[in-house]
Amino acid sequence: MAFTTLRADWRVPFFEDIKVHLHVMPTGTNTAQVSIMGGWPFAGTSAPDLGWSVNNSNYFNEAVFDPTSDGFRLRPASATTRIR
């Protein structure tokens, strides 16, 4: 199965934009399954980093974070991490 992976800032009312990692997988001619992953803390907070980060680097603070464009961890960090 093929999918496209995107990073985005999701605009939500009344709050700061939420950092999200999207996997979009076609399921038909005009349909797709969208998986949304998150967990990155807002800048300047002491909240824990629960997103896909390696040594404090991630899609949102490192220009070449996923150089092979895998779009997923090679080893899952937890049971809730989406892997293919």
PDB file of N, CA and C in Angstrom:
ATOM      1  N   MET A   1       0.828  -1.181   0.000  1.00  0.00           N
ATOM      2  CA  MET A   1       0.000   0.000   0.000  1.00  0.00           C
ATOM      3  C   MET A   1       0.872   1.244   0.000  1.00  0.00           C
ATOM      4  N   ALA A   2       0.514   2.175  -0.818  1.00  0.00           N
ATOM      5  CA  ALA A   2       1.248   3.437  -0.895  1.00  0.00           C
ATOM      6  C   ALA A   2       0.487   4.514  -0.123  1.00  0.00           C
ATOM      7  N   PHE A   3       1.217   5.490   0.384  1.00  0.00           N
ATOM      8  CA  PHE A   3       0.584   6.619   1.041  1.00  0.00           C
ATOM      9  C   PHE A   3       1.455   7.841   0.869  1.00  0.00           C
ATOM     10  N   THR A   4       0.845   8.991   1.026  1.00  0.00           N
ATOM     11  CA  THR A   4       1.566  10.258   1.018  1.00  0.00           C
ATOM     12  C   THR A   4       1.639  10.735   2.450  1.00  0.00           C
ATOM     13  N   THR A   5       2.784  11.245   2.842  1.00  0.00           N
ATOM     14  CA  THR A   5       2.928  11.757   4.204  1.00  0.00           C
ATOM     15  C   THR A   5       3.133  13.267   4.146  1.00  0.00           C
ATOM     16  N   LEU A   6       2.429  13.972   5.012  1.00  0.00           N
ATOM     17  CA  LEU A   6       2.480  15.434   5.047  1.00  0.00           C
ATOM     18  C   LEU A   6       2.644  15.913   6.476  1.00  0.00           C
ATOM     19  N   ARG A   7       3.296  17.014   6.650  1.00  0.00           N
ATOM     20  CA  ARG A   7       3.324  17.696   7.933  1.00  0.00           C
ATOM     21  C   ARG A   7       2.510  18.956   7.766  1.00  0.00           C
ATOM     22  N   ALA A   8       1.795  19.334   8.809  1.00  0.00           N
ATOM     23  CA  ALA A   8       0.916  20.490   8.689  1.00  0.00           C
ATOM     24  C   ALA A   8       0.697  21.147  10.036  1.00  0.00           C
ATOM     25  N   ASP A   9       0.285  22.392   9.975  1.00  0.00           N
ATOM     26  CA  ASP A   9      -0.203  23.107  11.143  1.00  0.00           C
ATOM     27  C   ASP A   9      -1.711  23.192  10.966  1.00  0.00           C
ATOM     28  N   TRP A  10      -2.450  22.523  11.827  1.00  0.00           N
ATOM     29  CA  TRP A  10      -3.901  22.441  11.729  1.00  0.00           C
ATOM     30  C   TRP A  10      -4.511  23.608  12.506  1.00  0.00           C
ATOM     31  N   ARG A  11      -5.248  24.456  11.814  1.00  0.00           N
ATOM     32  CA  ARG A  11      -5.878  25.612  12.448  1.00  0.00           C
ATOM     33  C   ARG A  11      -7.113  25.157  13.213  1.00  0.00           C
ATOM     34  N   VAL A  12      -7.161  25.510  14.484  1.00  0.00           N
ATOM     35  CA  VAL A  12      -8.308  25.172  15.320  1.00  0.00           C
ATOM     36  C   VAL A  12      -8.798  26.452  16.000  1.00  0.00           C
ATOM     37  N   PRO A  13     -10.108  26.595  16.202  1.00  0.00           N
ATOM     38  CA  PRO A  13     -10.620  27.818  16.823  1.00  0.00           C
ATOM     39  C   PRO A  13     -10.211  27.931  18.292  1.00  0.00           C
ATOM     40  N   PHE A  14      -9.900  29.143  18.701  1.00  0.00           N
ATOM     41  CA  PHE A  14      -9.631  29.514  20.088  1.00  0.00           C
ATOM     42  C   PHE A  14      -8.271  29.041  20.623  1.00  0.00           C
ATOM     43  N   PHE A  15      -7.483  28.296  19.849  1.00  0.00           N
ATOM     44  CA  PHE A  15      -6.203  27.776  20.322  1.00  0.00           C
ATOM     45  C   PHE A  15      -5.125  28.011  19.277  1.00  0.00           C
ATOM     46  N   GLU A  16      -3.878  27.779  19.656  1.00  0.00           N
ATOM     47  CA  GLU A  16      -2.782  27.817  18.683  1.00  0.00           C
ATOM     48  C   GLU A  16      -2.954  26.683  17.691  1.00  0.00           C
ATOM     49  N   ASP A  17      -2.336  26.834  16.511  1.00  0.00           N
ATOM     50  CA  ASP A  17      -2.365  25.754  15.526  1.00  0.00           C
ATOM     51  C   ASP A  17      -1.758  24.491  16.127  1.00  0.00           C
ATOM     52  N   ILE A  18      -2.311  23.343  15.754  1.00  0.00           N
ATOM     53  CA  ILE A  18      -1.823  22.055  16.243  1.00  0.00           C
ATOM     54  C   ILE A  18      -0.906  21.451  15.184  1.00  0.00           C
ATOM     55  N   LYS A  19       0.264  21.018  15.580  1.00  0.00           N
ATOM     56  CA  LYS A  19       1.202  20.376  14.662  1.00  0.00           C
ATOM     57  C   LYS A  19       0.746  18.936  14.431  1.00  0.00           C
ATOM     58  N   VAL A  20       0.556  18.555  13.166  1.00  0.00           N
ATOM     59  CA  VAL A  20       0.093  17.204  12.850  1.00  0.00           C
ATOM     60  C   VAL A  20       0.933  16.594  11.733  1.00  0.00           C
ATOM     61  N   HIS A  21       0.969  15.282  11.725  1.00  0.00           N
ATOM     62  CA  HIS A  21       1.626  14.473  10.698  1.00  0.00           C
ATOM     63  C   HIS A  21       0.517  13.632  10.083  1.00  0.00           C
ATOM     64  N   LEU A  22       0.306  13.767   8.771  1.00  0.00           N
ATOM     65  CA  LEU A  22      -0.784  13.089   8.088  1.00  0.00           C
ATOM     66  C   LEU A  22      -0.257  11.989   7.166  1.00  0.00           C
ATOM     67  N   HIS A  23      -0.927  10.852   7.163  1.00  0.00           N
ATOM     68  CA  HIS A  23      -0.723   9.811   6.157  1.00  0.00           C
ATOM     69  C   HIS A  23      -2.023   9.753   5.364  1.00  0.00           C
ATOM     70  N   VAL A  24      -1.929   9.944   4.057  1.00  0.00           N
ATOM     71  CA  VAL A  24      -3.101   9.886   3.185  1.00  0.00           C
ATOM     72  C   VAL A  24      -2.914   8.698   2.250  1.00  0.00           C
ATOM     73  N   MET A  25      -3.818   7.710   2.362  1.00  0.00           N
ATOM     74  CA  MET A  25      -3.707   6.479   1.590  1.00  0.00           C
ATOM     75  C   MET A  25      -4.959   6.308   0.728  1.00  0.00           C
ATOM     76  N   PRO A  26      -4.796   6.236  -0.607  1.00  0.00           N
ATOM     77  CA  PRO A  26      -5.964   6.042  -1.466  1.00  0.00           C
ATOM     78  C   PRO A  26      -6.646   4.711  -1.176  1.00  0.00           C
ATOM     79  N   THR A  27      -7.984   4.738  -1.143  1.00  0.00           N
ATOM     80  CA  THR A  27      -8.762   3.506  -0.944  1.00  0.00           C
ATOM     81  C   THR A  27      -9.672   3.231  -2.128  1.00  0.00           C
ATOM     82  N   GLY A  28      -9.743   4.157  -3.056  1.00  0.00           N
ATOM     83  CA  GLY A  28     -10.576   4.019  -4.243  1.00  0.00           C
ATOM     84  C   GLY A  28     -10.280   5.155  -5.192  1.00  0.00           C
ATOM     85  N   THR A  29     -11.047   5.258  -6.252  1.00  0.00           N
ATOM     86  CA  THR A  29     -10.820   6.301  -7.253  1.00  0.00           C
ATOM     87  C   THR A  29     -10.954   7.704  -6.663  1.00  0.00           C
ATOM     88  N   ASN A  30     -11.946   7.902  -5.809  1.00  0.00           N
ATOM     89  CA  ASN A  30     -12.201   9.222  -5.244  1.00  0.00           C
ATOM     90  C   ASN A  30     -12.237   9.222  -3.719  1.00  0.00           C
ATOM     91  N   THR A  31     -11.648   8.219  -3.091  1.00  0.00           N
ATOM     92  CA  THR A  31     -11.692   8.129  -1.629  1.00  0.00           C
ATOM     93  C   THR A  31     -10.295   7.882  -1.079  1.00  0.00           C
ATOM     94  N   ALA A  32     -10.117   8.206   0.194  1.00  0.00           N
ATOM     95  CA  ALA A  32      -8.824   7.995   0.837  1.00  0.00           C
ATOM     96  C   ALA A  32      -9.019   7.816   2.334  1.00  0.00           C
ATOM     97  N   GLN A  33      -8.083   7.130   2.951  1.00  0.00           N
ATOM     98  CA  GLN A  33      -8.033   7.019   4.408  1.00  0.00           C
ATOM     99  C   GLN A  33      -6.989   8.019   4.885  1.00  0.00           C
ATOM    100  N   VAL A  34      -7.343   8.829   5.859  1.00  0.00           N
ATOM    101  CA  VAL A  34      -6.415   9.818   6.403  1.00  0.00           C
ATOM    102  C   VAL A  34      -6.137   9.462   7.857  1.00  0.00           C
ATOM    103  N   SER A  35      -4.867   9.259   8.167  1.00  0.00           N
ATOM    104  CA  SER A  35      -4.451   9.001   9.552  1.00  0.00           C
ATOM    105  C   SER A  35      -3.759  10.261  10.051  1.00  0.00           C
ATOM    106  N   ILE A  36      -4.160  10.717  11.235  1.00  0.00           N
ATOM    107  CA  ILE A  36      -3.612  11.947  11.804  1.00  0.00           C
ATOM    108  C   ILE A  36      -2.836  11.598  13.060  1.00  0.00           C
ATOM    109  N   MET A  37      -1.569  12.007  13.097  1.00  0.00           N
ATOM    110  CA  MET A  37      -0.722  11.776  14.266  1.00  0.00           C
ATOM    111  C   MET A  37      -0.280  13.125  14.823  1.00  0.00           C
ATOM    112  N   GLY A  38      -0.121  13.208  16.108  1.00  0.00           N
ATOM    113  CA  GLY A  38       0.300  14.452  16.735  1.00  0.00           C
ATOM    114  C   GLY A  38       1.142  14.160  17.956  1.00  0.00           C
ATOM    115  N   GLY A  39       1.220  15.131  18.842  1.00  0.00           N
ATOM    116  CA  GLY A  39       1.941  14.928  20.090  1.00  0.00           C
ATOM    117  C   GLY A  39       3.098  15.879  20.309  1.00  0.00           C
ATOM    118  N   TRP A  40       3.354  16.790  19.358  1.00  0.00           N
ATOM    119  CA  TRP A  40       4.449  17.736  19.540  1.00  0.00           C
ATOM    120  C   TRP A  40       3.970  18.896  20.405  1.00  0.00           C
ATOM    121  N   PRO A  41       4.751  19.299  21.382  1.00  0.00           N
ATOM    122  CA  PRO A  41       4.311  20.378  22.276  1.00  0.00           C
ATOM    123  C   PRO A  41       4.405  21.747  21.604  1.00  0.00           C
ATOM    124  N   PHE A  42       3.654  22.697  22.126  1.00  0.00           N
ATOM    125  CA  PHE A  42       3.759  24.077  21.655  1.00  0.00           C
ATOM    126  C   PHE A  42       5.126  24.627  22.041  1.00  0.00           C
ATOM    127  N   ALA A  43       5.655  25.513  21.216  1.00  0.00           N
ATOM    128  CA  ALA A  43       6.951  26.135  21.495  1.00  0.00           C
ATOM    129  C   ALA A  43       6.891  26.900  22.812  1.00  0.00           C
ATOM    130  N   GLY A  44       7.952  26.795  23.586  1.00  0.00           N
ATOM    131  CA  GLY A  44       8.046  27.538  24.833  1.00  0.00           C
ATOM    132  C   GLY A  44       7.305  26.921  26.004  1.00  0.00           C
ATOM    133  N   THR A  45       6.807  25.692  25.857  1.00  0.00           N
ATOM    134  CA  THR A  45       6.136  25.041  26.979  1.00  0.00           C
ATOM    135  C   THR A  45       7.005  23.908  27.513  1.00  0.00           C
ATOM    136  N   SER A  46       6.666  23.447  28.688  1.00  0.00           N
ATOM    137  CA  SER A  46       7.410  22.325  29.269  1.00  0.00           C
ATOM    138  C   SER A  46       6.655  21.008  29.074  1.00  0.00           C
ATOM    139  N   ALA A  47       5.657  21.021  28.176  1.00  0.00           N
ATOM    140  CA  ALA A  47       4.878  19.807  27.914  1.00  0.00           C
ATOM    141  C   ALA A  47       5.782  18.728  27.314  1.00  0.00           C
ATOM    142  N   PRO A  48       5.509  17.462  27.613  1.00  0.00           N
ATOM    143  CA  PRO A  48       6.337  16.388  27.057  1.00  0.00           C
ATOM    144  C   PRO A  48       6.147  16.263  25.546  1.00  0.00           C
ATOM    145  N   ASP A  49       7.200  15.855  24.850  1.00  0.00           N
ATOM    146  CA  ASP A  49       7.155  15.639  23.410  1.00  0.00           C
ATOM    147  C   ASP A  49       6.688  14.208  23.159  1.00  0.00           C
ATOM    148  N   LEU A  50       5.455  14.052  22.692  1.00  0.00           N
ATOM    149  CA  LEU A  50       4.888  12.733  22.443  1.00  0.00           C
ATOM    150  C   LEU A  50       4.779  12.427  20.952  1.00  0.00           C
ATOM    151  N   GLY A  51       5.337  13.293  20.105  1.00  0.00           N
ATOM    152  CA  GLY A  51       5.309  13.078  18.661  1.00  0.00           C
ATOM    153  C   GLY A  51       6.534  12.309  18.204  1.00  0.00           C
ATOM    154  N   TRP A  52       6.677  12.149  16.893  1.00  0.00           N
ATOM    155  CA  TRP A  52       7.824  11.442  16.323  1.00  0.00           C
ATOM    156  C   TRP A  52       9.024  12.376  16.346  1.00  0.00           C
ATOM    157  N   SER A  53       9.883  12.235  17.315  1.00  0.00           N
ATOM    158  CA  SER A  53      11.096  13.032  17.444  1.00  0.00           C
ATOM    159  C   SER A  53      12.271  12.107  17.700  1.00  0.00           C
ATOM    160  N   VAL A  54      13.411  12.478  17.175  1.00  0.00           N
ATOM    161  CA  VAL A  54      14.645  11.733  17.389  1.00  0.00           C
ATOM    162  C   VAL A  54      15.685  12.735  17.879  1.00  0.00           C
ATOM    163  N   ASN A  55      16.150  12.558  19.115  1.00  0.00           N
ATOM    164  CA  ASN A  55      17.110  13.483  19.732  1.00  0.00           C
ATOM    165  C   ASN A  55      16.633  14.929  19.648  1.00  0.00           C
ATOM    166  N   ASN A  56      15.361  15.147  19.974  1.00  0.00           N
ATOM    167  CA  ASN A  56      14.713  16.465  19.972  1.00  0.00           C
ATOM    168  C   ASN A  56      14.558  17.077  18.592  1.00  0.00           C
ATOM    169  N   SER A  57      14.784  16.318  17.523  1.00  0.00           N
ATOM    170  CA  SER A  57      14.561  16.788  16.155  1.00  0.00           C
ATOM    171  C   SER A  57      13.283  16.143  15.624  1.00  0.00           C
ATOM    172  N   ASN A  58      12.504  16.926  14.854  1.00  0.00           N
ATOM    173  CA  ASN A  58      11.279  16.402  14.264  1.00  0.00           C
ATOM    174  C   ASN A  58      10.949  17.177  12.995  1.00  0.00           C
ATOM    175  N   TYR A  59       9.821  16.843  12.363  1.00  0.00           N
ATOM    176  CA  TYR A  59       9.403  17.501  11.126  1.00  0.00           C
ATOM    177  C   TYR A  59       9.295  19.014  11.262  1.00  0.00           C
ATOM    178  N   PHE A  60       9.032  19.504  12.458  1.00  0.00           N
ATOM    179  CA  PHE A  60       8.729  20.912  12.635  1.00  0.00           C
ATOM    180  C   PHE A  60       9.939  21.765  13.001  1.00  0.00           C
ATOM    181  N   ASN A  61      11.060  21.148  13.342  1.00  0.00           N
ATOM    182  CA  ASN A  61      12.241  21.960  13.695  1.00  0.00           C
ATOM    183  C   ASN A  61      13.513  21.528  12.972  1.00  0.00           C
ATOM    184  N   GLU A  62      13.410  20.578  12.060  1.00  0.00           N
ATOM    185  CA  GLU A  62      14.585  20.079  11.329  1.00  0.00           C
ATOM    186  C   GLU A  62      14.201  19.940   9.858  1.00  0.00           C
ATOM    187  N   ALA A  63      14.883  20.700   8.970  1.00  0.00           N
ATOM    188  CA  ALA A  63      14.525  20.715   7.545  1.00  0.00           C
ATOM    189  C   ALA A  63      14.691  19.350   6.879  1.00  0.00           C
ATOM    190  N   VAL A  64      15.661  18.557   7.318  1.00  0.00           N
ATOM    191  CA  VAL A  64      15.925  17.261   6.679  1.00  0.00           C
ATOM    192  C   VAL A  64      15.704  16.147   7.693  1.00  0.00           C
ATOM    193  N   PHE A  65      14.553  16.160   8.362  1.00  0.00           N
ATOM    194  CA  PHE A  65      14.285  15.183   9.422  1.00  0.00           C
ATOM    195  C   PHE A  65      14.093  13.770   8.883  1.00  0.00           C
ATOM    196  N   ASP A  66      13.427  13.626   7.748  1.00  0.00           N
ATOM    197  CA  ASP A  66      13.122  12.308   7.173  1.00  0.00           C
ATOM    198  C   ASP A  66      13.734  12.234   5.771  1.00  0.00           C
ATOM    199  N   PRO A  67      15.070  12.136   5.671  1.00  0.00           N
ATOM    200  CA  PRO A  67      15.742  12.256   4.376  1.00  0.00           C
ATOM    201  C   PRO A  67      15.355  11.179   3.356  1.00  0.00           C
ATOM    202  N   THR A  68      14.910  10.015   3.794  1.00  0.00           N
ATOM    203  CA  THR A  68      14.514   8.959   2.859  1.00  0.00           C
ATOM    204  C   THR A  68      13.005   8.950   2.623  1.00  0.00           C
ATOM    205  N   SER A  69      12.297   9.932   3.179  1.00  0.00           N
ATOM    206  CA  SER A  69      10.844  10.087   3.001  1.00  0.00           C
ATOM    207  C   SER A  69      10.059   8.842   3.374  1.00  0.00           C
ATOM    208  N   ASP A  70      10.457   8.175   4.466  1.00  0.00           N
ATOM    209  CA  ASP A  70       9.715   7.003   4.929  1.00  0.00           C
ATOM    210  C   ASP A  70       8.355   7.394   5.498  1.00  0.00           C
ATOM    211  N   GLY A  71       8.300   8.494   6.231  1.00  0.00           N
ATOM    212  CA  GLY A  71       7.038   8.943   6.810  1.00  0.00           C
ATOM    213  C   GLY A  71       6.636   8.195   8.054  1.00  0.00           C
ATOM    214  N   PHE A  72       7.514   7.354   8.580  1.00  0.00           N
ATOM    215  CA  PHE A  72       7.214   6.602   9.796  1.00  0.00           C
ATOM    216  C   PHE A  72       8.526   6.201  10.451  1.00  0.00           C
ATOM    217  N   ARG A  73       8.442   5.868  11.740  1.00  0.00           N
ATOM    218  CA  ARG A  73       9.619   5.379  12.456  1.00  0.00           C
ATOM    219  C   ARG A  73       9.976   3.994  11.967  1.00  0.00           C
ATOM    220  N   LEU A  74      11.240   3.692  11.978  1.00  0.00           N
ATOM    221  CA  LEU A  74      11.636   2.336  11.621  1.00  0.00           C
ATOM    222  C   LEU A  74      11.284   1.368  12.734  1.00  0.00           C
ATOM    223  N   ARG A  75      11.293   1.852  13.978  1.00  0.00           N
ATOM    224  CA  ARG A  75      10.874   1.050  15.140  1.00  0.00           C
ATOM    225  C   ARG A  75       9.851   1.864  15.911  1.00  0.00           C
ATOM    226  N   PRO A  76       8.676   1.324  16.175  1.00  0.00           N
ATOM    227  CA  PRO A  76       7.656   2.107  16.886  1.00  0.00           C
ATOM    228  C   PRO A  76       8.062   2.405  18.324  1.00  0.00           C
ATOM    229  N   ALA A  77       7.716   3.622  18.760  1.00  0.00           N
ATOM    230  CA  ALA A  77       8.023   4.022  20.133  1.00  0.00           C
ATOM    231  C   ALA A  77       6.991   3.481  21.104  1.00  0.00           C
ATOM    232  N   SER A  78       5.778   3.265  20.623  1.00  0.00           N
ATOM    233  CA  SER A  78       4.726   2.759  21.497  1.00  0.00           C
ATOM    234  C   SER A  78       3.672   2.059  20.652  1.00  0.00           C
ATOM    235  N   ALA A  79       2.733   1.432  21.306  1.00  0.00           N
ATOM    236  CA  ALA A  79       1.674   0.716  20.592  1.00  0.00           C
ATOM    237  C   ALA A  79       0.748   1.669  19.845  1.00  0.00           C
ATOM    238  N   THR A  80       0.734   2.943  20.220  1.00  0.00           N
ATOM    239  CA  THR A  80      -0.168   3.891  19.560  1.00  0.00           C
ATOM    240  C   THR A  80       0.458   4.548  18.338  1.00  0.00           C
ATOM    241  N   THR A  81       1.740   4.312  18.099  1.00  0.00           N
ATOM    242  CA  THR A  81       2.408   4.885  16.931  1.00  0.00           C
ATOM    243  C   THR A  81       1.982   4.127  15.691  1.00  0.00           C
ATOM    244  N   ARG A  82       1.596   4.841  14.641  1.00  0.00           N
ATOM    245  CA  ARG A  82       1.155   4.189  13.414  1.00  0.00           C
ATOM    246  C   ARG A  82       2.387   3.748  12.625  1.00  0.00           C
ATOM    247  N   ILE A  83       2.418   2.499  12.250  1.00  0.00           N
ATOM    248  CA  ILE A  83       3.455   1.997  11.367  1.00  0.00           C
ATOM    249  C   ILE A  83       2.782   1.259  10.231  1.00  0.00           C
ATOM    250  N   ARG A  84       3.507   1.040   9.139  1.00  0.00           N
ATOM    251  CA  ARG A  84       2.851   0.344   8.027  1.00  0.00           C
ATOM    252  C   ARG A  84       3.047  -1.132   8.107  1.00  0.00           C
TER     253      ARG A  84
END
